[in-house]
Amino acid sequence: MTAFATSVPEIFAQQTPATTPASPSAPQAPVAEAPLRPAGSHTHNGIYYFSGTGSNDGYPKEDHVLVTDPFEKHVTRTMDALKRNVEHAGSNMDSLIHLDVFLCLPLADATPAPTGSARFAAHKAQYDALNKIYGTYFSLGKNPSRACMAVEWIPGDSLIEIVGTALVVNPPAPTVEK
C-alpha cells in the first residue's frame, strides 16, 4: 500500500500545469475561452458529432409516436431521422464512424414493467428487433462500430436514442446571414 500511496502524487502531477503561481495574488496569463458550440451537434476537423436522435426527432408533434407504439416503429423512425440528420451535415449512413444506441422499455401506466428474467428477455427482444432493422440502413460491410445499452428512460416518448460520429464527405455550403 505504501508504494501506491507514494506514487499517487506523480500521477496527478502530470495533470497540473507546469507553472503555477506562488500565491493567489500572483499575476496569471489570460486563459483562452473554449469556443461555444451549439447544443446537440457540431462538426470539428471533418467529423460530425451528434446526439439525441430519437423516434420523434424531425416529426411534427401530431405525428409523434408514443411509448406504447411498437418498438420496431421507434427503431425505423429513429434510423430515418438519423439518416436525414447525417445527410444534412454532409455525411451519409456509410460514413458513420461510431454509434451509441440507448434502448428502454416502455414506461406507461397501462404497460406493466417486467422484472427479473422477464426484464432481461424484454431487453433482449428489443436488441434482436433493433439488429434486424439496423442492418438494412448500411451497405454491406459499412456498419459503424456500435455500443448498445439498456437504460431506464429516454426523453421525448422514444424507446431508442442514438448518439455518434460521422465523417463529413460532402460539407454543406456555408449559410450567409443577412
N, C-alpha and C. Protein backbone atom coordinates (compact mmCIF):
# COMPACT_ATOMS: atom_id res chain seq x y z
N MET A 1 0.82 -1.19 0.00
CA MET A 1 0.00 0.00 0.00
C MET A 1 0.86 1.26 0.00
N THR A 2 2.00 1.21 0.65
CA THR A 2 2.88 2.38 0.72
C THR A 2 3.36 2.78 -0.66
N ALA A 3 3.72 1.83 -1.49
CA ALA A 3 4.19 2.15 -2.84
C ALA A 3 3.12 2.86 -3.64
N PHE A 4 1.89 2.43 -3.50
CA PHE A 4 0.79 3.08 -4.22
C PHE A 4 0.59 4.51 -3.72
N ALA A 5 0.58 4.68 -2.41
CA ALA A 5 0.34 6.00 -1.84
C ALA A 5 1.43 6.99 -2.24
N THR A 6 2.68 6.55 -2.32
CA THR A 6 3.74 7.47 -2.68
C THR A 6 3.77 7.79 -4.16
N SER A 7 3.17 6.94 -5.01
CA SER A 7 3.20 7.22 -6.44
C SER A 7 2.00 8.04 -6.90
N VAL A 8 0.98 8.18 -6.09
CA VAL A 8 -0.21 8.92 -6.50
C VAL A 8 0.10 10.36 -6.88
N PRO A 9 0.87 11.11 -6.08
CA PRO A 9 1.13 12.50 -6.46
C PRO A 9 1.80 12.62 -7.83
N GLU A 10 2.66 11.69 -8.20
CA GLU A 10 3.31 11.76 -9.52
C GLU A 10 2.29 11.63 -10.64
N ILE A 11 1.31 10.77 -10.46
CA ILE A 11 0.28 10.60 -11.49
C ILE A 11 -0.49 11.89 -11.67
N PHE A 12 -0.93 12.48 -10.56
CA PHE A 12 -1.72 13.70 -10.65
C PHE A 12 -0.87 14.90 -11.04
N ALA A 13 0.41 14.85 -10.78
CA ALA A 13 1.29 15.95 -11.15
C ALA A 13 1.31 16.14 -12.66
N GLN A 14 1.12 15.07 -13.42
CA GLN A 14 1.10 15.17 -14.87
C GLN A 14 -0.11 15.95 -15.37
N GLN A 15 -1.16 16.07 -14.56
CA GLN A 15 -2.38 16.75 -14.97
C GLN A 15 -2.40 18.22 -14.57
N THR A 16 -1.44 18.66 -13.78
CA THR A 16 -1.42 20.06 -13.35
C THR A 16 -0.52 20.86 -14.26
N PRO A 17 -0.80 22.16 -14.42
CA PRO A 17 0.05 22.99 -15.27
C PRO A 17 1.48 23.03 -14.75
N ALA A 18 2.43 23.19 -15.66
CA ALA A 18 3.84 23.22 -15.28
C ALA A 18 4.17 24.44 -14.45
N THR A 19 3.52 25.57 -14.71
CA THR A 19 3.79 26.78 -13.94
C THR A 19 2.52 27.17 -13.20
N THR A 20 2.63 27.15 -11.87
CA THR A 20 1.52 27.55 -11.02
C THR A 20 1.97 28.76 -10.24
N PRO A 21 1.15 29.81 -10.16
CA PRO A 21 1.57 30.99 -9.41
C PRO A 21 1.83 30.65 -7.94
N ALA A 22 2.78 31.34 -7.35
CA ALA A 22 3.17 31.08 -5.97
C ALA A 22 2.07 31.46 -4.99
N SER A 23 1.28 32.47 -5.33
CA SER A 23 0.20 32.88 -4.43
C SER A 23 -1.02 33.26 -5.26
N PRO A 24 -2.19 33.33 -4.64
CA PRO A 24 -3.39 33.68 -5.38
C PRO A 24 -3.33 35.07 -5.99
N SER A 25 -2.50 35.98 -5.42
CA SER A 25 -2.43 37.33 -5.96
C SER A 25 -1.39 37.47 -7.08
N ALA A 26 -0.62 36.42 -7.34
CA ALA A 26 0.39 36.48 -8.40
C ALA A 26 -0.29 36.64 -9.75
N PRO A 27 0.28 37.42 -10.68
CA PRO A 27 -0.33 37.61 -11.99
C PRO A 27 -0.38 36.30 -12.78
N GLN A 28 -1.46 36.12 -13.52
CA GLN A 28 -1.62 34.93 -14.35
C GLN A 28 -1.83 35.35 -15.79
N ALA A 29 -1.37 34.50 -16.70
CA ALA A 29 -1.60 34.76 -18.12
C ALA A 29 -3.08 34.58 -18.42
N PRO A 30 -3.64 35.37 -19.35
CA PRO A 30 -5.05 35.20 -19.69
C PRO A 30 -5.31 33.80 -20.25
N VAL A 31 -6.43 33.24 -19.91
CA VAL A 31 -6.81 31.91 -20.36
C VAL A 31 -7.79 32.07 -21.52
N ALA A 32 -7.49 31.40 -22.63
CA ALA A 32 -8.39 31.46 -23.78
C ALA A 32 -9.64 30.66 -23.47
N GLU A 33 -10.80 31.23 -23.79
CA GLU A 33 -12.05 30.52 -23.54
C GLU A 33 -12.30 29.53 -24.66
N ALA A 34 -12.90 28.40 -24.30
CA ALA A 34 -13.27 27.40 -25.29
C ALA A 34 -14.40 27.96 -26.14
N PRO A 35 -14.40 27.70 -27.44
CA PRO A 35 -15.47 28.21 -28.28
C PRO A 35 -16.81 27.58 -27.89
N LEU A 36 -17.87 28.39 -27.95
CA LEU A 36 -19.19 27.87 -27.66
C LEU A 36 -19.66 27.02 -28.83
N ARG A 37 -20.35 25.94 -28.51
CA ARG A 37 -20.85 25.04 -29.56
C ARG A 37 -22.35 24.94 -29.44
N PRO A 38 -23.03 24.80 -30.59
CA PRO A 38 -24.48 24.63 -30.50
C PRO A 38 -24.82 23.32 -29.80
N ALA A 39 -25.92 23.33 -29.10
CA ALA A 39 -26.34 22.12 -28.38
C ALA A 39 -26.69 21.03 -29.37
N GLY A 40 -26.31 19.81 -29.05
CA GLY A 40 -26.74 18.66 -29.83
C GLY A 40 -25.78 18.17 -30.88
N SER A 41 -25.23 19.05 -31.70
CA SER A 41 -24.34 18.56 -32.75
C SER A 41 -23.40 19.66 -33.22
N HIS A 42 -22.26 19.23 -33.76
CA HIS A 42 -21.30 20.15 -34.35
C HIS A 42 -20.31 19.35 -35.20
N THR A 43 -19.61 20.07 -36.06
CA THR A 43 -18.58 19.46 -36.90
C THR A 43 -17.24 20.05 -36.49
N HIS A 44 -16.25 19.19 -36.34
CA HIS A 44 -14.90 19.62 -35.99
C HIS A 44 -13.91 18.75 -36.76
N ASN A 45 -13.01 19.39 -37.51
CA ASN A 45 -11.98 18.69 -38.28
C ASN A 45 -12.56 17.58 -39.16
N GLY A 46 -13.69 17.87 -39.79
CA GLY A 46 -14.27 16.93 -40.73
C GLY A 46 -15.05 15.78 -40.11
N ILE A 47 -15.27 15.84 -38.80
CA ILE A 47 -16.05 14.83 -38.10
C ILE A 47 -17.31 15.50 -37.55
N TYR A 48 -18.45 14.90 -37.84
CA TYR A 48 -19.73 15.39 -37.35
C TYR A 48 -20.08 14.62 -36.07
N TYR A 49 -20.29 15.36 -35.00
CA TYR A 49 -20.65 14.79 -33.70
C TYR A 49 -22.12 15.12 -33.44
N PHE A 50 -22.93 14.12 -33.18
CA PHE A 50 -24.35 14.38 -32.97
C PHE A 50 -24.85 13.61 -31.76
N SER A 51 -25.93 14.12 -31.21
CA SER A 51 -26.52 13.46 -30.05
C SER A 51 -28.03 13.59 -30.07
N GLY A 52 -28.66 12.74 -29.31
CA GLY A 52 -30.08 12.87 -29.08
C GLY A 52 -31.01 12.59 -30.25
N THR A 53 -30.67 11.69 -31.14
CA THR A 53 -31.58 11.35 -32.23
C THR A 53 -32.51 10.25 -31.75
N GLY A 54 -33.81 10.57 -31.70
CA GLY A 54 -34.80 9.61 -31.23
C GLY A 54 -35.93 9.46 -32.23
N SER A 55 -36.94 8.69 -31.84
CA SER A 55 -38.00 8.34 -32.78
C SER A 55 -38.95 9.48 -33.11
N ASN A 56 -38.91 10.58 -32.39
CA ASN A 56 -39.79 11.71 -32.69
C ASN A 56 -39.04 12.91 -33.27
N ASP A 57 -37.74 12.79 -33.45
CA ASP A 57 -36.94 13.90 -33.99
C ASP A 57 -37.25 14.11 -35.47
N GLY A 58 -37.58 15.36 -35.81
CA GLY A 58 -37.86 15.72 -37.19
C GLY A 58 -39.30 15.45 -37.61
N TYR A 59 -40.13 15.06 -36.67
CA TYR A 59 -41.54 14.80 -36.96
C TYR A 59 -42.39 15.83 -36.25
N PRO A 60 -43.49 16.28 -36.89
CA PRO A 60 -44.37 17.24 -36.20
C PRO A 60 -45.03 16.60 -34.98
N LYS A 61 -45.38 17.41 -34.01
CA LYS A 61 -45.96 16.93 -32.75
C LYS A 61 -47.15 16.00 -32.98
N GLU A 62 -47.98 16.31 -33.97
CA GLU A 62 -49.17 15.48 -34.21
C GLU A 62 -48.82 14.11 -34.81
N ASP A 63 -47.57 13.92 -35.21
CA ASP A 63 -47.13 12.65 -35.78
C ASP A 63 -46.17 11.89 -34.85
N HIS A 64 -46.06 12.33 -33.59
CA HIS A 64 -45.15 11.66 -32.65
C HIS A 64 -45.65 10.27 -32.32
N VAL A 65 -44.70 9.35 -32.15
CA VAL A 65 -45.04 8.02 -31.66
C VAL A 65 -45.08 8.07 -30.14
N LEU A 66 -45.74 7.11 -29.56
CA LEU A 66 -45.86 7.01 -28.11
C LEU A 66 -45.07 5.81 -27.62
N VAL A 67 -44.78 5.77 -26.33
CA VAL A 67 -44.02 4.65 -25.79
C VAL A 67 -44.79 3.34 -25.93
N THR A 68 -46.10 3.43 -26.13
CA THR A 68 -46.91 2.22 -26.29
C THR A 68 -46.94 1.73 -27.73
N ASP A 69 -46.38 2.49 -28.68
CA ASP A 69 -46.31 2.04 -30.07
C ASP A 69 -45.25 0.94 -30.19
N PRO A 70 -45.35 0.12 -31.25
CA PRO A 70 -44.39 -1.00 -31.39
C PRO A 70 -42.94 -0.51 -31.44
N PHE A 71 -42.06 -1.25 -30.79
CA PHE A 71 -40.65 -0.91 -30.74
C PHE A 71 -40.05 -0.77 -32.15
N GLU A 72 -40.46 -1.64 -33.06
CA GLU A 72 -39.94 -1.61 -34.44
C GLU A 72 -40.23 -0.26 -35.10
N LYS A 73 -41.38 0.33 -34.79
CA LYS A 73 -41.71 1.65 -35.33
C LYS A 73 -40.75 2.71 -34.78
N HIS A 74 -40.42 2.59 -33.50
CA HIS A 74 -39.45 3.51 -32.89
C HIS A 74 -38.09 3.40 -33.58
N VAL A 75 -37.64 2.18 -33.83
CA VAL A 75 -36.34 1.96 -34.46
C VAL A 75 -36.32 2.54 -35.87
N THR A 76 -37.33 2.22 -36.67
CA THR A 76 -37.38 2.69 -38.06
C THR A 76 -37.40 4.21 -38.11
N ARG A 77 -38.22 4.83 -37.30
CA ARG A 77 -38.29 6.30 -37.30
C ARG A 77 -36.98 6.92 -36.81
N THR A 78 -36.34 6.31 -35.83
CA THR A 78 -35.05 6.84 -35.34
C THR A 78 -33.98 6.71 -36.42
N MET A 79 -33.92 5.59 -37.07
CA MET A 79 -32.92 5.40 -38.13
C MET A 79 -33.19 6.34 -39.31
N ASP A 80 -34.46 6.58 -39.64
CA ASP A 80 -34.79 7.55 -40.70
C ASP A 80 -34.36 8.95 -40.29
N ALA A 81 -34.61 9.32 -39.03
CA ALA A 81 -34.20 10.64 -38.53
C ALA A 81 -32.68 10.76 -38.53
N LEU A 82 -31.99 9.69 -38.13
CA LEU A 82 -30.53 9.68 -38.14
C LEU A 82 -30.01 9.89 -39.56
N LYS A 83 -30.60 9.20 -40.51
CA LYS A 83 -30.18 9.33 -41.92
C LYS A 83 -30.35 10.77 -42.40
N ARG A 84 -31.49 11.38 -42.11
CA ARG A 84 -31.71 12.79 -42.50
C ARG A 84 -30.69 13.70 -41.82
N ASN A 85 -30.44 13.45 -40.54
CA ASN A 85 -29.53 14.27 -39.75
C ASN A 85 -28.12 14.25 -40.34
N VAL A 86 -27.57 13.06 -40.59
CA VAL A 86 -26.19 13.00 -41.09
C VAL A 86 -26.09 13.51 -42.53
N GLU A 87 -27.13 13.29 -43.34
CA GLU A 87 -27.11 13.82 -44.70
C GLU A 87 -27.15 15.34 -44.70
N HIS A 88 -27.91 15.93 -43.79
CA HIS A 88 -27.97 17.39 -43.66
C HIS A 88 -26.59 17.96 -43.30
N ALA A 89 -25.80 17.19 -42.57
CA ALA A 89 -24.46 17.63 -42.14
C ALA A 89 -23.39 17.34 -43.19
N GLY A 90 -23.77 16.73 -44.33
CA GLY A 90 -22.78 16.43 -45.37
C GLY A 90 -22.17 15.06 -45.26
N SER A 91 -22.83 14.16 -44.58
CA SER A 91 -22.32 12.80 -44.44
C SER A 91 -23.37 11.83 -45.00
N ASN A 92 -23.20 10.56 -44.70
CA ASN A 92 -24.19 9.55 -45.11
C ASN A 92 -24.06 8.36 -44.17
N MET A 93 -24.98 7.44 -44.29
CA MET A 93 -25.00 6.29 -43.37
C MET A 93 -23.74 5.44 -43.46
N ASP A 94 -23.15 5.34 -44.64
CA ASP A 94 -21.94 4.53 -44.79
C ASP A 94 -20.69 5.24 -44.28
N SER A 95 -20.81 6.51 -43.91
CA SER A 95 -19.67 7.25 -43.37
C SER A 95 -19.75 7.44 -41.87
N LEU A 96 -20.72 6.78 -41.24
CA LEU A 96 -20.78 6.82 -39.79
C LEU A 96 -19.56 6.10 -39.22
N ILE A 97 -19.01 6.65 -38.16
CA ILE A 97 -17.81 6.08 -37.53
C ILE A 97 -18.20 5.22 -36.33
N HIS A 98 -19.00 5.79 -35.45
CA HIS A 98 -19.39 5.08 -34.22
C HIS A 98 -20.76 5.54 -33.78
N LEU A 99 -21.55 4.62 -33.22
CA LEU A 99 -22.86 4.94 -32.66
C LEU A 99 -22.98 4.35 -31.26
N ASP A 100 -23.59 5.12 -30.36
CA ASP A 100 -24.02 4.62 -29.06
C ASP A 100 -25.53 4.58 -29.13
N VAL A 101 -26.10 3.41 -28.93
CA VAL A 101 -27.55 3.22 -29.02
C VAL A 101 -28.08 2.93 -27.63
N PHE A 102 -29.09 3.70 -27.23
CA PHE A 102 -29.72 3.52 -25.93
C PHE A 102 -31.14 3.02 -26.15
N LEU A 103 -31.51 1.95 -25.47
CA LEU A 103 -32.83 1.36 -25.56
C LEU A 103 -33.50 1.41 -24.20
N CYS A 104 -34.81 1.59 -24.18
CA CYS A 104 -35.53 1.48 -22.91
C CYS A 104 -36.86 0.79 -23.14
N LEU A 105 -37.34 0.18 -22.10
CA LEU A 105 -38.64 -0.47 -22.14
C LEU A 105 -39.72 0.60 -21.97
N PRO A 106 -40.92 0.36 -22.51
CA PRO A 106 -41.98 1.37 -22.36
C PRO A 106 -42.38 1.55 -20.90
N LEU A 107 -42.45 2.80 -20.47
CA LEU A 107 -42.92 3.14 -19.13
C LEU A 107 -44.27 3.84 -19.29
N ALA A 108 -45.34 3.10 -19.13
CA ALA A 108 -46.68 3.65 -19.26
C ALA A 108 -47.58 2.99 -18.23
N ASP A 109 -48.56 3.73 -17.77
CA ASP A 109 -49.47 3.20 -16.74
C ASP A 109 -50.13 1.90 -17.18
N ALA A 110 -50.48 1.81 -18.45
CA ALA A 110 -51.19 0.62 -18.95
C ALA A 110 -50.26 -0.54 -19.27
N THR A 111 -48.95 -0.32 -19.20
CA THR A 111 -47.99 -1.36 -19.54
C THR A 111 -47.22 -1.76 -18.29
N PRO A 112 -47.44 -2.96 -17.76
CA PRO A 112 -46.69 -3.37 -16.58
C PRO A 112 -45.20 -3.57 -16.92
N ALA A 113 -44.35 -3.10 -16.03
CA ALA A 113 -42.90 -3.23 -16.24
C ALA A 113 -42.47 -4.64 -15.85
N PRO A 114 -41.76 -5.34 -16.74
CA PRO A 114 -41.29 -6.69 -16.40
C PRO A 114 -40.18 -6.62 -15.36
N THR A 115 -40.02 -7.69 -14.63
CA THR A 115 -38.96 -7.78 -13.62
C THR A 115 -38.20 -9.08 -13.81
N GLY A 116 -37.03 -9.15 -13.19
CA GLY A 116 -36.23 -10.37 -13.20
C GLY A 116 -35.88 -10.83 -14.60
N SER A 117 -36.01 -12.13 -14.83
CA SER A 117 -35.63 -12.69 -16.13
C SER A 117 -36.55 -12.20 -17.25
N ALA A 118 -37.78 -11.82 -16.93
CA ALA A 118 -38.69 -11.27 -17.95
C ALA A 118 -38.17 -9.92 -18.44
N ARG A 119 -37.56 -9.15 -17.56
CA ARG A 119 -36.99 -7.85 -17.95
C ARG A 119 -35.82 -8.07 -18.91
N PHE A 120 -34.95 -9.02 -18.56
CA PHE A 120 -33.83 -9.35 -19.44
C PHE A 120 -34.35 -9.80 -20.80
N ALA A 121 -35.36 -10.66 -20.82
CA ALA A 121 -35.94 -11.16 -22.07
C ALA A 121 -36.53 -10.03 -22.90
N ALA A 122 -37.15 -9.05 -22.24
CA ALA A 122 -37.74 -7.91 -22.95
C ALA A 122 -36.64 -7.07 -23.60
N HIS A 123 -35.55 -6.82 -22.87
CA HIS A 123 -34.42 -6.07 -23.45
C HIS A 123 -33.78 -6.86 -24.60
N LYS A 124 -33.66 -8.15 -24.44
CA LYS A 124 -33.08 -9.00 -25.50
C LYS A 124 -33.95 -8.97 -26.74
N ALA A 125 -35.27 -8.98 -26.57
CA ALA A 125 -36.19 -8.90 -27.71
C ALA A 125 -36.02 -7.56 -28.43
N GLN A 126 -35.85 -6.47 -27.68
CA GLN A 126 -35.60 -5.16 -28.30
C GLN A 126 -34.29 -5.18 -29.08
N TYR A 127 -33.26 -5.74 -28.48
CA TYR A 127 -31.95 -5.80 -29.12
C TYR A 127 -32.03 -6.58 -30.44
N ASP A 128 -32.72 -7.70 -30.42
CA ASP A 128 -32.88 -8.51 -31.64
C ASP A 128 -33.67 -7.75 -32.71
N ALA A 129 -34.73 -7.06 -32.30
CA ALA A 129 -35.54 -6.28 -33.25
C ALA A 129 -34.70 -5.13 -33.82
N LEU A 130 -33.91 -4.48 -32.96
CA LEU A 130 -33.02 -3.41 -33.42
C LEU A 130 -32.09 -3.93 -34.50
N ASN A 131 -31.45 -5.05 -34.26
CA ASN A 131 -30.47 -5.59 -35.21
C ASN A 131 -31.09 -5.92 -36.57
N LYS A 132 -32.32 -6.41 -36.59
CA LYS A 132 -32.98 -6.74 -37.85
C LYS A 132 -33.20 -5.50 -38.71
N ILE A 133 -33.56 -4.40 -38.08
CA ILE A 133 -33.83 -3.16 -38.82
C ILE A 133 -32.54 -2.39 -39.08
N TYR A 134 -31.69 -2.29 -38.08
CA TYR A 134 -30.44 -1.52 -38.13
C TYR A 134 -29.59 -1.88 -39.35
N GLY A 135 -29.40 -3.15 -39.59
CA GLY A 135 -28.54 -3.60 -40.69
C GLY A 135 -29.02 -3.20 -42.06
N THR A 136 -30.32 -2.92 -42.22
CA THR A 136 -30.85 -2.54 -43.53
C THR A 136 -30.48 -1.12 -43.93
N TYR A 137 -29.94 -0.34 -43.02
CA TYR A 137 -29.60 1.06 -43.30
C TYR A 137 -28.17 1.26 -43.79
N PHE A 138 -27.40 0.19 -43.89
CA PHE A 138 -25.99 0.30 -44.28
C PHE A 138 -25.68 -0.61 -45.45
N SER A 139 -24.73 -0.17 -46.28
CA SER A 139 -24.22 -1.03 -47.34
C SER A 139 -23.45 -2.19 -46.71
N LEU A 140 -23.33 -3.27 -47.43
CA LEU A 140 -22.63 -4.45 -46.93
C LEU A 140 -21.23 -4.08 -46.45
N GLY A 141 -20.92 -4.43 -45.22
CA GLY A 141 -19.60 -4.17 -44.65
C GLY A 141 -19.37 -2.75 -44.18
N LYS A 142 -20.40 -1.90 -44.16
CA LYS A 142 -20.22 -0.49 -43.80
C LYS A 142 -20.83 -0.14 -42.44
N ASN A 143 -21.26 -1.13 -41.68
CA ASN A 143 -21.82 -0.83 -40.36
C ASN A 143 -20.75 -0.17 -39.50
N PRO A 144 -21.11 0.92 -38.80
CA PRO A 144 -20.13 1.55 -37.90
C PRO A 144 -19.95 0.72 -36.63
N SER A 145 -18.90 1.00 -35.89
CA SER A 145 -18.78 0.37 -34.58
C SER A 145 -19.96 0.86 -33.74
N ARG A 146 -20.37 0.03 -32.78
CA ARG A 146 -21.58 0.38 -32.04
C ARG A 146 -21.53 -0.17 -30.63
N ALA A 147 -22.05 0.60 -29.71
CA ALA A 147 -22.32 0.13 -28.36
C ALA A 147 -23.82 0.24 -28.16
N CYS A 148 -24.40 -0.70 -27.45
CA CYS A 148 -25.84 -0.69 -27.22
C CYS A 148 -26.08 -0.88 -25.72
N MET A 149 -26.87 0.00 -25.14
CA MET A 149 -27.12 -0.04 -23.71
C MET A 149 -28.61 0.05 -23.41
N ALA A 150 -29.05 -0.64 -22.40
CA ALA A 150 -30.42 -0.53 -21.91
C ALA A 150 -30.42 0.50 -20.78
N VAL A 151 -31.34 1.45 -20.87
CA VAL A 151 -31.47 2.49 -19.86
C VAL A 151 -32.90 2.51 -19.33
N GLU A 152 -33.10 3.23 -18.26
CA GLU A 152 -34.42 3.27 -17.62
C GLU A 152 -35.40 4.19 -18.35
N TRP A 153 -34.92 5.30 -18.91
CA TRP A 153 -35.81 6.29 -19.51
C TRP A 153 -35.08 7.08 -20.58
N ILE A 154 -35.80 7.44 -21.64
CA ILE A 154 -35.29 8.30 -22.70
C ILE A 154 -36.30 9.43 -22.89
N PRO A 155 -35.87 10.68 -22.97
CA PRO A 155 -36.81 11.78 -23.14
C PRO A 155 -37.52 11.75 -24.49
N GLY A 156 -38.66 12.38 -24.56
CA GLY A 156 -39.34 12.57 -25.82
C GLY A 156 -40.19 11.39 -26.28
N ASP A 157 -40.68 10.57 -25.37
CA ASP A 157 -41.53 9.42 -25.71
C ASP A 157 -40.87 8.46 -26.69
N SER A 158 -39.57 8.39 -26.68
CA SER A 158 -38.85 7.49 -27.57
C SER A 158 -38.34 6.30 -26.78
N LEU A 159 -38.32 5.14 -27.42
CA LEU A 159 -37.77 3.94 -26.80
C LEU A 159 -36.34 3.68 -27.26
N ILE A 160 -35.81 4.57 -28.09
CA ILE A 160 -34.45 4.43 -28.60
C ILE A 160 -33.87 5.83 -28.83
N GLU A 161 -32.60 5.97 -28.54
CA GLU A 161 -31.88 7.22 -28.83
C GLU A 161 -30.49 6.86 -29.30
N ILE A 162 -29.99 7.63 -30.28
CA ILE A 162 -28.68 7.34 -30.87
C ILE A 162 -27.79 8.57 -30.81
N VAL A 163 -26.54 8.35 -30.40
CA VAL A 163 -25.50 9.37 -30.33
C VAL A 163 -24.33 8.84 -31.15
N GLY A 164 -23.61 9.71 -31.86
CA GLY A 164 -22.48 9.17 -32.61
C GLY A 164 -21.65 10.19 -33.35
N THR A 165 -20.82 9.66 -34.24
CA THR A 165 -19.92 10.46 -35.07
C THR A 165 -19.96 9.96 -36.50
N ALA A 166 -19.70 10.90 -37.41
CA ALA A 166 -19.68 10.54 -38.84
C ALA A 166 -18.62 11.37 -39.54
N LEU A 167 -18.00 10.81 -40.54
CA LEU A 167 -17.06 11.52 -41.38
C LEU A 167 -17.86 12.40 -42.34
N VAL A 168 -17.53 13.68 -42.42
CA VAL A 168 -18.21 14.58 -43.34
C VAL A 168 -17.56 14.39 -44.71
N VAL A 169 -18.32 13.89 -45.68
CA VAL A 169 -17.79 13.60 -47.01
C VAL A 169 -18.18 14.66 -48.05
N ASN A 170 -19.21 15.44 -47.76
CA ASN A 170 -19.67 16.47 -48.68
C ASN A 170 -20.15 17.66 -47.85
N PRO A 171 -19.22 18.50 -47.37
CA PRO A 171 -19.61 19.58 -46.46
C PRO A 171 -20.69 20.47 -47.08
N PRO A 172 -21.73 20.81 -46.30
CA PRO A 172 -22.75 21.70 -46.82
C PRO A 172 -22.19 23.10 -47.05
N ALA A 173 -22.78 23.81 -47.99
CA ALA A 173 -22.34 25.18 -48.25
C ALA A 173 -22.64 26.04 -47.04
N PRO A 174 -21.71 26.95 -46.69
CA PRO A 174 -21.97 27.82 -45.54
C PRO A 174 -23.18 28.71 -45.80
N THR A 175 -23.96 28.95 -44.74
CA THR A 175 -25.11 29.84 -44.87
C THR A 175 -24.67 31.27 -44.68
N VAL A 176 -25.27 32.17 -45.43
CA VAL A 176 -24.95 33.59 -45.34
C VAL A 176 -26.06 34.26 -44.56
N GLU A 177 -25.67 34.94 -43.48
CA GLU A 177 -26.65 35.66 -42.66
C GLU A 177 -26.88 37.03 -43.27
N LYS A 178 -28.14 37.45 -43.23
CA LYS A 178 -28.50 38.77 -43.78
C LYS A 178 -28.66 39.79 -42.69
